[in-house]
Amino acid sequence: MARHRSRRTPHEDTRVSGLVVQLLTTEWTKESRGGPGARTRNATPPALVLPKVWTQPEDASFRLHHVYFSEQRGFLPRQWTDVRRGKHFVEVEAFRVEQVEAGVRVLLDHGKMGLPGSREWSGMARGQRHEELFRLSPGEWGRGVYNERIQYWETGHWGYCKHVLNVGMLEAADLDVFLSTRPDHEAIREYLLRQAGPASSGSGSSRLHVAAS
């Protein structure tokens, strides 16, 4: 009787290395400012598991993972990936991620933000357009958050967005690194979004938080 050889499934590599950028955007209208819509909108996560395809070596300056939650689709996630090569920076929404020396710095471009992004944040020099949120060294990851109010020109109505950026200079990290570990750096820029106009910087409605371990 012939013997059957045991077939062992090779160990699957589920780790990722390199410069990874994950952007999660939640967009809504006044219909989701309160009640069940607001609860669903507020439940969108600040991070998701990275794409499995990224466990394979990739000659890329930046690997981008976009996640979009919209009121129109019941805040179900729509995801896609992108690869950028040949430049030392990448811009996603109002975030700018730059390679500098042996690390990375993350900036917020206030000129690209919708209202109330036209107002300067507390602590920024007058007239300064780019605000540095944090810097990363190899093996670290950070999170930046901002919200904005935007106008739909075709209808004249207002919409609202929250953007969460997770950036990592990863070294053999698990695909759920942005979920299972705390960021080494975090910067949150949030306004109380009013339909009539931006909140006053002195009203206590904006929040500034910077943390580093």
N, C-alpha and C. Protein backbone atom coordinates (compact mmCIF):
# COMPACT_ATOMS: atom_id res chain seq x y z
N MET A 1 0.85 -1.19 0.00
CA MET A 1 0.00 0.00 0.00
C MET A 1 0.88 1.24 0.00
N ALA A 2 0.60 2.12 -0.90
CA ALA A 2 1.42 3.34 -1.01
C ALA A 2 1.10 4.27 0.15
N ARG A 3 2.14 4.89 0.62
CA ARG A 3 1.97 5.84 1.71
C ARG A 3 1.68 7.24 1.15
N HIS A 4 0.81 7.92 1.84
CA HIS A 4 0.51 9.29 1.46
C HIS A 4 1.43 10.23 2.21
N ARG A 5 2.07 11.12 1.47
CA ARG A 5 2.92 12.11 2.10
C ARG A 5 2.06 13.18 2.77
N SER A 6 2.48 13.58 3.96
CA SER A 6 1.75 14.65 4.64
C SER A 6 2.08 15.97 3.96
N ARG A 7 1.09 16.74 3.73
CA ARG A 7 1.25 18.04 3.08
C ARG A 7 1.04 19.13 4.12
N ARG A 8 2.10 19.81 4.43
CA ARG A 8 2.03 20.88 5.42
C ARG A 8 1.85 22.23 4.72
N THR A 9 0.93 22.99 5.23
CA THR A 9 0.72 24.32 4.68
C THR A 9 1.86 25.21 5.13
N PRO A 10 2.59 25.83 4.19
CA PRO A 10 3.69 26.69 4.58
C PRO A 10 3.21 27.85 5.45
N HIS A 11 4.06 28.28 6.37
CA HIS A 11 3.71 29.39 7.26
C HIS A 11 3.51 30.66 6.44
N GLU A 12 2.38 31.28 6.65
CA GLU A 12 2.04 32.48 5.88
C GLU A 12 2.56 33.72 6.60
N ASP A 13 3.30 34.53 5.86
CA ASP A 13 3.85 35.75 6.42
C ASP A 13 2.75 36.81 6.47
N THR A 14 2.45 37.29 7.65
CA THR A 14 1.40 38.30 7.80
C THR A 14 1.97 39.59 8.38
N ARG A 15 3.22 39.89 8.06
CA ARG A 15 3.84 41.10 8.56
C ARG A 15 4.18 42.04 7.41
N VAL A 16 4.23 43.33 7.74
CA VAL A 16 4.48 44.33 6.72
C VAL A 16 5.58 45.26 7.19
N SER A 17 6.42 45.68 6.24
CA SER A 17 7.50 46.62 6.52
C SER A 17 7.46 47.74 5.50
N GLY A 18 7.98 48.89 5.89
CA GLY A 18 8.05 50.02 4.98
C GLY A 18 7.19 51.18 5.46
N LEU A 19 7.09 52.19 4.61
CA LEU A 19 6.33 53.41 4.91
C LEU A 19 4.89 53.22 4.44
N VAL A 20 4.00 53.21 5.39
CA VAL A 20 2.60 52.91 5.12
C VAL A 20 1.73 54.09 5.57
N VAL A 21 0.78 54.48 4.73
CA VAL A 21 -0.14 55.58 5.02
C VAL A 21 -1.57 55.06 4.89
N GLN A 22 -2.35 55.18 5.96
CA GLN A 22 -3.75 54.76 5.94
C GLN A 22 -4.62 55.99 6.24
N LEU A 23 -5.52 56.31 5.33
CA LEU A 23 -6.42 57.45 5.51
C LEU A 23 -7.85 56.95 5.59
N LEU A 24 -8.54 57.31 6.67
CA LEU A 24 -9.95 56.98 6.84
C LEU A 24 -10.75 58.27 6.86
N THR A 25 -11.70 58.40 5.94
CA THR A 25 -12.53 59.59 5.82
C THR A 25 -13.98 59.23 6.05
N THR A 26 -14.64 59.97 6.93
CA THR A 26 -16.07 59.82 7.17
C THR A 26 -16.76 61.10 6.72
N GLU A 27 -17.77 60.98 5.85
CA GLU A 27 -18.47 62.15 5.31
C GLU A 27 -19.96 62.03 5.60
N TRP A 28 -20.57 63.14 6.05
CA TRP A 28 -21.99 63.12 6.39
C TRP A 28 -22.62 64.49 6.15
N THR A 29 -23.94 64.54 6.26
CA THR A 29 -24.69 65.79 6.12
C THR A 29 -25.43 66.04 7.43
N LYS A 30 -26.26 67.07 7.43
CA LYS A 30 -27.02 67.41 8.64
C LYS A 30 -27.96 66.29 9.06
N GLU A 31 -28.26 65.37 8.12
CA GLU A 31 -29.16 64.26 8.44
C GLU A 31 -28.56 63.33 9.48
N SER A 32 -27.24 63.35 9.60
CA SER A 32 -26.56 62.47 10.56
C SER A 32 -25.91 63.24 11.70
N ARG A 33 -26.38 64.44 11.96
CA ARG A 33 -25.80 65.23 13.04
C ARG A 33 -26.36 64.84 14.40
N GLY A 34 -27.47 64.11 14.41
CA GLY A 34 -28.08 63.69 15.66
C GLY A 34 -28.81 62.38 15.48
N GLY A 35 -29.25 61.78 16.60
CA GLY A 35 -30.03 60.56 16.55
C GLY A 35 -29.25 59.35 16.09
N PRO A 36 -29.95 58.35 15.51
CA PRO A 36 -29.29 57.11 15.08
C PRO A 36 -28.18 57.35 14.06
N GLY A 37 -28.38 58.33 13.18
CA GLY A 37 -27.36 58.61 12.17
C GLY A 37 -26.05 59.04 12.80
N ALA A 38 -26.14 59.86 13.84
CA ALA A 38 -24.93 60.31 14.52
C ALA A 38 -24.24 59.16 15.23
N ARG A 39 -25.02 58.27 15.84
CA ARG A 39 -24.42 57.12 16.52
C ARG A 39 -23.67 56.23 15.53
N THR A 40 -24.27 56.01 14.36
CA THR A 40 -23.61 55.18 13.34
C THR A 40 -22.37 55.87 12.82
N ARG A 41 -22.48 57.17 12.58
CA ARG A 41 -21.33 57.92 12.07
C ARG A 41 -20.19 57.95 13.08
N ASN A 42 -20.50 58.14 14.35
CA ASN A 42 -19.47 58.18 15.38
C ASN A 42 -18.82 56.83 15.63
N ALA A 43 -19.45 55.77 15.14
CA ALA A 43 -18.90 54.42 15.35
C ALA A 43 -17.89 54.01 14.29
N THR A 44 -17.65 54.85 13.29
CA THR A 44 -16.65 54.48 12.29
C THR A 44 -15.28 54.41 12.98
N PRO A 45 -14.47 53.40 12.67
CA PRO A 45 -13.24 53.16 13.42
C PRO A 45 -12.12 54.13 13.04
N PRO A 46 -11.14 54.31 13.94
CA PRO A 46 -9.98 55.14 13.64
C PRO A 46 -8.88 54.40 12.88
N ALA A 47 -9.08 53.10 12.64
CA ALA A 47 -8.09 52.31 11.92
C ALA A 47 -8.72 51.00 11.47
N LEU A 48 -8.12 50.40 10.45
CA LEU A 48 -8.52 49.08 9.98
C LEU A 48 -7.27 48.24 9.75
N VAL A 49 -7.47 46.95 9.58
CA VAL A 49 -6.37 46.05 9.25
C VAL A 49 -5.81 46.42 7.89
N LEU A 50 -4.49 46.41 7.76
CA LEU A 50 -3.86 46.75 6.49
C LEU A 50 -4.07 45.65 5.45
N PRO A 51 -4.01 46.00 4.17
CA PRO A 51 -4.23 45.01 3.11
C PRO A 51 -3.20 43.89 3.17
N LYS A 52 -3.68 42.68 2.99
CA LYS A 52 -2.82 41.49 3.05
C LYS A 52 -1.76 41.50 1.96
N VAL A 53 -2.07 42.12 0.83
CA VAL A 53 -1.13 42.14 -0.29
C VAL A 53 0.16 42.84 0.09
N TRP A 54 0.14 43.68 1.10
CA TRP A 54 1.33 44.44 1.48
C TRP A 54 2.35 43.62 2.23
N THR A 55 2.07 42.36 2.50
CA THR A 55 3.08 41.51 3.12
C THR A 55 4.17 41.13 2.12
N GLN A 56 3.91 41.37 0.85
CA GLN A 56 4.91 41.09 -0.18
C GLN A 56 5.82 42.31 -0.35
N PRO A 57 7.13 42.07 -0.60
CA PRO A 57 8.05 43.20 -0.79
C PRO A 57 7.58 44.10 -1.93
N GLU A 58 7.75 45.40 -1.75
CA GLU A 58 7.28 46.37 -2.74
C GLU A 58 8.27 47.51 -2.82
N ASP A 59 8.71 47.81 -4.04
CA ASP A 59 9.63 48.92 -4.25
C ASP A 59 8.81 50.18 -4.43
N ALA A 60 8.45 50.81 -3.32
CA ALA A 60 7.59 51.98 -3.37
C ALA A 60 8.00 52.98 -2.31
N SER A 61 7.86 54.26 -2.64
CA SER A 61 8.12 55.29 -1.64
C SER A 61 7.03 55.32 -0.59
N PHE A 62 5.76 55.19 -1.04
CA PHE A 62 4.63 55.22 -0.14
C PHE A 62 3.62 54.16 -0.57
N ARG A 63 3.04 53.50 0.39
CA ARG A 63 1.91 52.61 0.14
C ARG A 63 0.70 53.20 0.86
N LEU A 64 -0.36 53.43 0.10
CA LEU A 64 -1.54 54.14 0.61
C LEU A 64 -2.73 53.20 0.72
N HIS A 65 -3.41 53.28 1.85
CA HIS A 65 -4.64 52.52 2.07
C HIS A 65 -5.74 53.53 2.37
N HIS A 66 -6.69 53.68 1.44
CA HIS A 66 -7.78 54.63 1.60
C HIS A 66 -9.04 53.88 2.07
N VAL A 67 -9.72 54.46 3.04
CA VAL A 67 -10.98 53.90 3.53
C VAL A 67 -11.98 55.05 3.61
N TYR A 68 -13.15 54.87 3.00
CA TYR A 68 -14.14 55.94 2.91
C TYR A 68 -15.48 55.46 3.47
N PHE A 69 -16.01 56.22 4.43
CA PHE A 69 -17.32 55.95 5.01
C PHE A 69 -18.24 57.12 4.64
N SER A 70 -19.36 56.83 4.00
CA SER A 70 -20.26 57.91 3.61
C SER A 70 -21.66 57.65 4.15
N GLU A 71 -22.34 58.73 4.45
CA GLU A 71 -23.74 58.64 4.88
C GLU A 71 -24.58 57.96 3.81
N GLN A 72 -24.29 58.24 2.56
CA GLN A 72 -25.07 57.71 1.44
C GLN A 72 -25.07 56.18 1.41
N ARG A 73 -23.94 55.58 1.86
CA ARG A 73 -23.82 54.11 1.84
C ARG A 73 -23.99 53.52 3.24
N GLY A 74 -24.63 54.26 4.13
CA GLY A 74 -24.86 53.75 5.47
C GLY A 74 -23.59 53.62 6.29
N PHE A 75 -22.56 54.37 5.92
CA PHE A 75 -21.26 54.37 6.59
C PHE A 75 -20.56 53.01 6.53
N LEU A 76 -20.88 52.24 5.50
CA LEU A 76 -20.13 51.01 5.25
C LEU A 76 -18.80 51.37 4.58
N PRO A 77 -17.71 50.70 4.92
CA PRO A 77 -16.41 51.09 4.38
C PRO A 77 -16.24 50.73 2.92
N ARG A 78 -15.64 51.65 2.17
CA ARG A 78 -15.20 51.38 0.81
C ARG A 78 -13.68 51.58 0.80
N GLN A 79 -12.94 50.56 0.37
CA GLN A 79 -11.49 50.58 0.51
C GLN A 79 -10.79 50.42 -0.84
N TRP A 80 -9.63 51.05 -0.98
CA TRP A 80 -8.78 50.83 -2.13
C TRP A 80 -7.34 51.17 -1.74
N THR A 81 -6.41 50.70 -2.53
CA THR A 81 -4.99 50.92 -2.25
C THR A 81 -4.33 51.64 -3.42
N ASP A 82 -3.19 52.23 -3.13
CA ASP A 82 -2.43 52.96 -4.14
C ASP A 82 -0.96 52.87 -3.76
N VAL A 83 -0.10 52.98 -4.75
CA VAL A 83 1.34 52.96 -4.55
C VAL A 83 1.94 54.19 -5.21
N ARG A 84 2.76 54.93 -4.48
CA ARG A 84 3.40 56.13 -5.02
C ARG A 84 4.90 55.92 -5.03
N ARG A 85 5.52 56.27 -6.14
CA ARG A 85 6.96 56.11 -6.30
C ARG A 85 7.59 57.41 -6.79
N GLY A 86 8.87 57.57 -6.50
CA GLY A 86 9.65 58.64 -7.12
C GLY A 86 9.61 59.99 -6.45
N LYS A 87 8.76 60.18 -5.41
CA LYS A 87 8.71 61.47 -4.71
C LYS A 87 9.00 61.26 -3.22
N HIS A 88 9.49 62.31 -2.58
CA HIS A 88 9.81 62.20 -1.16
C HIS A 88 8.63 62.60 -0.29
N PHE A 89 7.47 62.91 -0.90
CA PHE A 89 6.30 63.29 -0.12
C PHE A 89 5.05 62.77 -0.81
N VAL A 90 3.97 62.74 -0.03
CA VAL A 90 2.67 62.39 -0.57
C VAL A 90 1.64 63.26 0.13
N GLU A 91 0.60 63.69 -0.61
CA GLU A 91 -0.46 64.52 -0.04
C GLU A 91 -1.78 63.77 -0.14
N VAL A 92 -2.47 63.65 0.99
CA VAL A 92 -3.79 63.02 1.03
C VAL A 92 -4.70 63.94 1.83
N GLU A 93 -5.78 64.40 1.18
CA GLU A 93 -6.62 65.44 1.77
C GLU A 93 -5.71 66.60 2.19
N ALA A 94 -5.81 67.11 3.42
CA ALA A 94 -4.97 68.22 3.83
C ALA A 94 -3.70 67.77 4.55
N PHE A 95 -3.47 66.46 4.59
CA PHE A 95 -2.24 65.94 5.19
C PHE A 95 -1.12 65.89 4.15
N ARG A 96 0.08 66.13 4.61
CA ARG A 96 1.28 65.98 3.78
C ARG A 96 2.29 65.16 4.57
N VAL A 97 2.72 64.05 4.00
CA VAL A 97 3.70 63.16 4.65
C VAL A 97 5.00 63.26 3.88
N GLU A 98 6.07 63.66 4.56
CA GLU A 98 7.36 63.90 3.92
C GLU A 98 8.43 62.99 4.51
N GLN A 99 9.27 62.46 3.63
CA GLN A 99 10.46 61.74 4.07
C GLN A 99 11.55 62.76 4.35
N VAL A 100 12.10 62.72 5.55
CA VAL A 100 13.16 63.65 5.95
C VAL A 100 14.25 62.87 6.67
N GLU A 101 15.48 63.05 6.19
CA GLU A 101 16.62 62.37 6.80
C GLU A 101 16.29 60.89 6.98
N ALA A 102 16.36 60.39 8.22
CA ALA A 102 16.09 58.97 8.45
C ALA A 102 14.67 58.72 8.91
N GLY A 103 13.82 59.75 8.83
CA GLY A 103 12.47 59.61 9.34
C GLY A 103 11.42 60.21 8.44
N VAL A 104 10.30 60.57 9.06
CA VAL A 104 9.14 61.11 8.35
C VAL A 104 8.56 62.23 9.20
N ARG A 105 8.06 63.28 8.55
CA ARG A 105 7.28 64.27 9.28
C ARG A 105 5.92 64.40 8.62
N VAL A 106 4.92 64.66 9.44
CA VAL A 106 3.54 64.78 8.98
C VAL A 106 3.07 66.20 9.22
N LEU A 107 2.57 66.84 8.15
CA LEU A 107 2.11 68.22 8.20
C LEU A 107 0.62 68.29 7.92
N LEU A 108 0.00 69.37 8.42
CA LEU A 108 -1.39 69.67 8.09
C LEU A 108 -1.40 70.97 7.31
N ASP A 109 -1.92 70.93 6.09
CA ASP A 109 -1.98 72.09 5.21
C ASP A 109 -3.33 72.78 5.42
N HIS A 110 -3.33 73.84 6.21
CA HIS A 110 -4.58 74.54 6.52
C HIS A 110 -5.17 75.21 5.28
N GLY A 111 -4.37 75.47 4.28
CA GLY A 111 -4.88 76.07 3.06
C GLY A 111 -5.73 75.12 2.24
N LYS A 112 -5.63 73.81 2.50
CA LYS A 112 -6.39 72.82 1.75
C LYS A 112 -7.60 72.32 2.52
N MET A 113 -7.79 72.83 3.73
CA MET A 113 -8.93 72.41 4.53
C MET A 113 -10.16 73.22 4.18
N GLY A 114 -11.32 72.59 4.28
CA GLY A 114 -12.56 73.34 4.17
C GLY A 114 -12.82 74.09 5.46
N LEU A 115 -13.83 74.92 5.47
CA LEU A 115 -14.18 75.63 6.71
C LEU A 115 -14.44 74.62 7.81
N PRO A 116 -13.98 74.84 9.02
CA PRO A 116 -13.34 76.05 9.50
C PRO A 116 -11.83 76.04 9.41
N GLY A 117 -11.28 75.36 8.42
CA GLY A 117 -9.83 75.32 8.28
C GLY A 117 -9.20 76.64 7.95
N SER A 118 -10.01 77.64 7.57
CA SER A 118 -9.45 78.94 7.28
C SER A 118 -9.03 79.68 8.54
N ARG A 119 -9.48 79.19 9.69
CA ARG A 119 -9.10 79.80 10.96
C ARG A 119 -7.82 79.15 11.46
N GLU A 120 -6.95 79.97 12.03
CA GLU A 120 -5.70 79.44 12.53
C GLU A 120 -5.93 78.69 13.83
N TRP A 121 -5.13 77.66 14.03
CA TRP A 121 -5.23 76.89 15.26
C TRP A 121 -4.46 77.59 16.36
N SER A 122 -4.88 77.39 17.58
CA SER A 122 -4.20 77.95 18.73
C SER A 122 -2.75 77.50 18.75
N GLY A 123 -1.83 78.43 18.93
CA GLY A 123 -0.42 78.08 19.01
C GLY A 123 0.32 78.22 17.69
N MET A 124 -0.41 78.41 16.59
CA MET A 124 0.25 78.57 15.30
C MET A 124 0.64 80.03 15.09
N ALA A 125 1.77 80.23 14.44
CA ALA A 125 2.20 81.58 14.12
C ALA A 125 1.22 82.19 13.11
N ARG A 126 0.96 83.47 13.24
CA ARG A 126 0.03 84.13 12.33
C ARG A 126 0.52 84.02 10.88
N GLY A 127 -0.35 83.58 10.01
CA GLY A 127 -0.01 83.44 8.60
C GLY A 127 0.66 82.13 8.24
N GLN A 128 0.92 81.27 9.22
CA GLN A 128 1.56 79.99 8.93
C GLN A 128 0.55 79.03 8.31
N ARG A 129 0.86 78.49 7.15
CA ARG A 129 -0.10 77.62 6.46
C ARG A 129 0.10 76.15 6.82
N HIS A 130 1.35 75.69 6.87
CA HIS A 130 1.64 74.29 7.18
C HIS A 130 1.97 74.14 8.66
N GLU A 131 1.28 73.26 9.31
CA GLU A 131 1.55 72.96 10.71
C GLU A 131 2.15 71.56 10.81
N GLU A 132 3.30 71.44 11.44
CA GLU A 132 3.90 70.12 11.65
C GLU A 132 3.21 69.44 12.83
N LEU A 133 2.61 68.29 12.55
CA LEU A 133 1.90 67.56 13.60
C LEU A 133 2.84 66.69 14.43
N PHE A 134 3.72 65.95 13.75
CA PHE A 134 4.67 65.11 14.48
C PHE A 134 5.71 64.56 13.50
N ARG A 135 6.75 63.94 14.08
CA ARG A 135 7.79 63.27 13.31
C ARG A 135 7.89 61.83 13.76
N LEU A 136 8.29 60.97 12.82
CA LEU A 136 8.43 59.55 13.11
C LEU A 136 9.84 59.07 12.84
N SER A 137 10.29 58.14 13.65
CA SER A 137 11.54 57.43 13.44
C SER A 137 11.22 56.00 13.03
N PRO A 138 12.17 55.27 12.44
CA PRO A 138 11.91 53.88 12.05
C PRO A 138 11.37 53.06 13.21
N GLY A 139 10.31 52.31 12.92
CA GLY A 139 9.67 51.49 13.92
C GLY A 139 8.51 52.16 14.63
N GLU A 140 8.28 53.46 14.37
CA GLU A 140 7.21 54.19 15.02
C GLU A 140 6.02 54.38 14.08
N TRP A 141 4.87 54.68 14.69
CA TRP A 141 3.73 55.11 13.89
C TRP A 141 2.96 56.19 14.65
N GLY A 142 2.27 57.04 13.88
CA GLY A 142 1.54 58.15 14.48
C GLY A 142 0.18 58.32 13.85
N ARG A 143 -0.67 59.10 14.53
CA ARG A 143 -2.03 59.34 14.06
C ARG A 143 -2.33 60.83 14.07
N GLY A 144 -2.90 61.33 12.97
CA GLY A 144 -3.37 62.70 12.88
C GLY A 144 -4.86 62.71 12.57
N VAL A 145 -5.58 63.65 13.16
CA VAL A 145 -7.03 63.75 12.96
C VAL A 145 -7.41 65.21 12.76
N TYR A 146 -8.29 65.48 11.80
CA TYR A 146 -8.91 66.81 11.71
C TYR A 146 -10.30 66.66 11.13
N ASN A 147 -11.14 67.66 11.39
CA ASN A 147 -12.47 67.68 10.78
C ASN A 147 -12.68 68.98 10.03
N GLU A 148 -13.68 69.01 9.18
CA GLU A 148 -13.90 70.20 8.35
C GLU A 148 -15.35 70.25 7.89
N ARG A 149 -15.75 71.43 7.51
CA ARG A 149 -17.07 71.66 6.93
C ARG A 149 -16.88 72.05 5.47
N ILE A 150 -17.61 71.41 4.57
CA ILE A 150 -17.44 71.64 3.14
C ILE A 150 -18.79 72.00 2.52
N GLN A 151 -18.74 72.73 1.42
CA GLN A 151 -19.97 73.13 0.73
C GLN A 151 -20.10 72.37 -0.58
N TYR A 152 -21.27 71.79 -0.80
CA TYR A 152 -21.57 71.13 -2.06
C TYR A 152 -22.08 72.20 -3.03
N TRP A 153 -21.23 72.56 -3.98
CA TRP A 153 -21.55 73.70 -4.83
C TRP A 153 -22.78 73.45 -5.70
N GLU A 154 -23.05 72.19 -6.04
CA GLU A 154 -24.19 71.94 -6.91
C GLU A 154 -25.52 72.17 -6.19
N THR A 155 -25.54 72.06 -4.86
CA THR A 155 -26.78 72.24 -4.11
C THR A 155 -26.72 73.43 -3.16
N GLY A 156 -25.51 73.87 -2.80
CA GLY A 156 -25.37 74.93 -1.82
C GLY A 156 -25.47 74.44 -0.40
N HIS A 157 -25.68 73.13 -0.20
CA HIS A 157 -25.80 72.57 1.14
C HIS A 157 -24.42 72.30 1.73
N TRP A 158 -24.40 72.12 3.06
CA TRP A 158 -23.14 71.86 3.76
C TRP A 158 -22.98 70.37 4.05
N GLY A 159 -21.73 69.93 3.99
CA GLY A 159 -21.38 68.58 4.39
C GLY A 159 -20.25 68.65 5.40
N TYR A 160 -19.97 67.53 6.02
CA TYR A 160 -18.97 67.48 7.09
C TYR A 160 -18.08 66.26 6.89
N CYS A 161 -16.83 66.41 7.22
CA CYS A 161 -15.86 65.32 7.07
C CYS A 161 -14.96 65.22 8.29
N LYS A 162 -14.61 64.00 8.61
CA LYS A 162 -13.57 63.73 9.60
C LYS A 162 -12.53 62.86 8.92
N HIS A 163 -11.26 63.25 9.03
CA HIS A 163 -10.17 62.53 8.40
C HIS A 163 -9.21 62.01 9.47
N VAL A 164 -8.90 60.74 9.40
CA VAL A 164 -7.95 60.11 10.33
C VAL A 164 -6.80 59.54 9.51
N LEU A 165 -5.59 59.96 9.82
CA LEU A 165 -4.41 59.52 9.10
C LEU A 165 -3.54 58.69 10.04
N ASN A 166 -3.29 57.44 9.67
CA ASN A 166 -2.35 56.58 10.39
C ASN A 166 -1.12 56.39 9.51
N VAL A 167 0.04 56.74 10.02
CA VAL A 167 1.28 56.68 9.26
C VAL A 167 2.29 55.85 10.05
N GLY A 168 2.91 54.89 9.40
CA GLY A 168 3.89 54.07 10.09
C GLY A 168 5.15 53.83 9.29
N MET A 169 6.30 53.93 9.95
CA MET A 169 7.56 53.45 9.39
C MET A 169 7.76 52.06 9.97
N LEU A 170 7.08 51.10 9.37
CA LEU A 170 6.91 49.79 9.99
C LEU A 170 8.11 48.87 9.73
N GLU A 171 8.36 48.03 10.72
CA GLU A 171 9.43 47.04 10.63
C GLU A 171 8.85 45.70 11.08
N ALA A 172 8.48 44.86 10.12
CA ALA A 172 7.89 43.54 10.39
C ALA A 172 6.73 43.66 11.37
N ALA A 173 5.80 44.55 11.09
CA ALA A 173 4.65 44.78 11.97
C ALA A 173 3.47 43.92 11.52
N ASP A 174 2.61 43.59 12.47
CA ASP A 174 1.39 42.86 12.13
C ASP A 174 0.45 43.76 11.32
N LEU A 175 -0.38 43.14 10.51
CA LEU A 175 -1.29 43.91 9.67
C LEU A 175 -2.31 44.71 10.49
N ASP A 176 -2.53 44.30 11.73
CA ASP A 176 -3.46 45.05 12.58
C ASP A 176 -2.72 46.01 13.52
N VAL A 177 -1.52 46.42 13.13
CA VAL A 177 -0.69 47.25 14.00
C VAL A 177 -1.40 48.53 14.43
N PHE A 178 -2.19 49.14 13.54
CA PHE A 178 -2.87 50.39 13.88
C PHE A 178 -4.07 50.16 14.81
N LEU A 179 -4.47 48.90 14.96
CA LEU A 179 -5.57 48.55 15.86
C LEU A 179 -5.07 47.99 17.19
N SER A 180 -4.00 47.21 17.13
CA SER A 180 -3.55 46.47 18.32
C SER A 180 -2.53 47.20 19.16
N THR A 181 -1.97 48.30 18.65
CA THR A 181 -0.98 49.05 19.42
C THR A 181 -1.37 50.52 19.47
N ARG A 182 -0.81 51.24 20.44
CA ARG A 182 -1.08 52.67 20.57
C ARG A 182 -0.09 53.46 19.72
N PRO A 183 -0.53 54.59 19.15
CA PRO A 183 0.41 55.39 18.36
C PRO A 183 1.51 55.97 19.23
N ASP A 184 2.69 56.09 18.65
CA ASP A 184 3.80 56.74 19.35
C ASP A 184 3.60 58.25 19.42
N HIS A 185 2.88 58.78 18.44
CA HIS A 185 2.57 60.21 18.40
C HIS A 185 1.14 60.38 17.93
N GLU A 186 0.46 61.40 18.45
CA GLU A 186 -0.92 61.65 18.06
C GLU A 186 -1.20 63.15 18.09
N ALA A 187 -1.89 63.64 17.07
CA ALA A 187 -2.27 65.05 17.01
C ALA A 187 -3.71 65.14 16.52
N ILE A 188 -4.58 65.77 17.29
CA ILE A 188 -6.00 65.87 16.97
C ILE A 188 -6.38 67.34 16.83
N ARG A 189 -6.99 67.68 15.70
CA ARG A 189 -7.47 69.03 15.44
C ARG A 189 -8.96 68.95 15.15
N GLU A 190 -9.77 69.28 16.12
CA GLU A 190 -11.21 69.17 15.96
C GLU A 190 -11.90 70.49 16.29
N TYR A 191 -12.88 70.83 15.48
CA TYR A 191 -13.74 71.99 15.72
C TYR A 191 -15.16 71.51 15.99
N LEU A 192 -15.89 72.34 16.69
CA LEU A 192 -17.34 72.18 16.72
C LEU A 192 -17.85 72.71 15.40
N LEU A 193 -18.35 71.84 14.55
CA LEU A 193 -18.71 72.23 13.19
C LEU A 193 -20.11 72.83 13.16
N ARG A 194 -20.16 74.11 12.92
CA ARG A 194 -21.44 74.82 12.86
C ARG A 194 -21.79 75.12 11.41
N GLN A 195 -23.06 74.98 11.07
CA GLN A 195 -23.48 75.24 9.69
C GLN A 195 -23.36 76.71 9.35
N ALA A 196 -23.53 77.59 10.34
CA ALA A 196 -23.52 79.02 10.07
C ALA A 196 -22.11 79.59 9.93
N GLY A 197 -21.10 78.87 10.39
CA GLY A 197 -19.74 79.38 10.30
C GLY A 197 -18.83 78.71 11.29
N PRO A 198 -17.53 78.95 11.18
CA PRO A 198 -16.58 78.30 12.08
C PRO A 198 -16.70 78.80 13.50
N ALA A 199 -16.43 77.90 14.43
CA ALA A 199 -16.48 78.29 15.83
C ALA A 199 -15.31 79.21 16.15
N SER A 200 -15.50 80.10 17.08
CA SER A 200 -14.44 81.01 17.50
C SER A 200 -13.35 80.24 18.21
N SER A 201 -12.09 80.58 17.93
CA SER A 201 -10.99 79.89 18.57
C SER A 201 -10.96 80.12 20.07
N GLY A 202 -11.65 81.16 20.55
CA GLY A 202 -11.66 81.43 21.97
C GLY A 202 -12.88 80.87 22.68
N SER A 203 -13.73 80.13 21.95
CA SER A 203 -14.97 79.65 22.54
C SER A 203 -14.80 78.34 23.27
N GLY A 204 -13.62 77.72 23.13
CA GLY A 204 -13.41 76.43 23.76
C GLY A 204 -13.94 75.28 22.95
N SER A 205 -14.34 75.53 21.70
CA SER A 205 -14.92 74.49 20.87
C SER A 205 -13.90 73.77 20.02
N SER A 206 -12.68 74.23 19.97
CA SER A 206 -11.65 73.50 19.25
C SER A 206 -10.83 72.71 20.25
N ARG A 207 -10.24 71.61 19.80
CA ARG A 207 -9.49 70.76 20.70
C ARG A 207 -8.10 70.54 20.13
N LEU A 208 -7.09 70.73 20.94
CA LEU A 208 -5.72 70.53 20.54
C LEU A 208 -5.12 69.48 21.45
N HIS A 209 -4.65 68.38 20.88
CA HIS A 209 -4.09 67.31 21.69
C HIS A 209 -2.86 66.75 20.97
N VAL A 210 -1.74 66.74 21.63
CA VAL A 210 -0.52 66.16 21.08
C VAL A 210 0.04 65.23 22.12
N ALA A 211 0.29 63.99 21.76
CA ALA A 211 0.83 63.03 22.72
C ALA A 211 1.99 62.28 22.10
N ALA A 212 2.97 61.99 22.88
CA ALA A 212 4.11 61.20 22.44
C ALA A 212 4.54 60.30 23.58
N SER A 213 4.85 59.06 23.27
CA SER A 213 5.27 58.14 24.30
C SER A 213 6.75 58.26 24.55
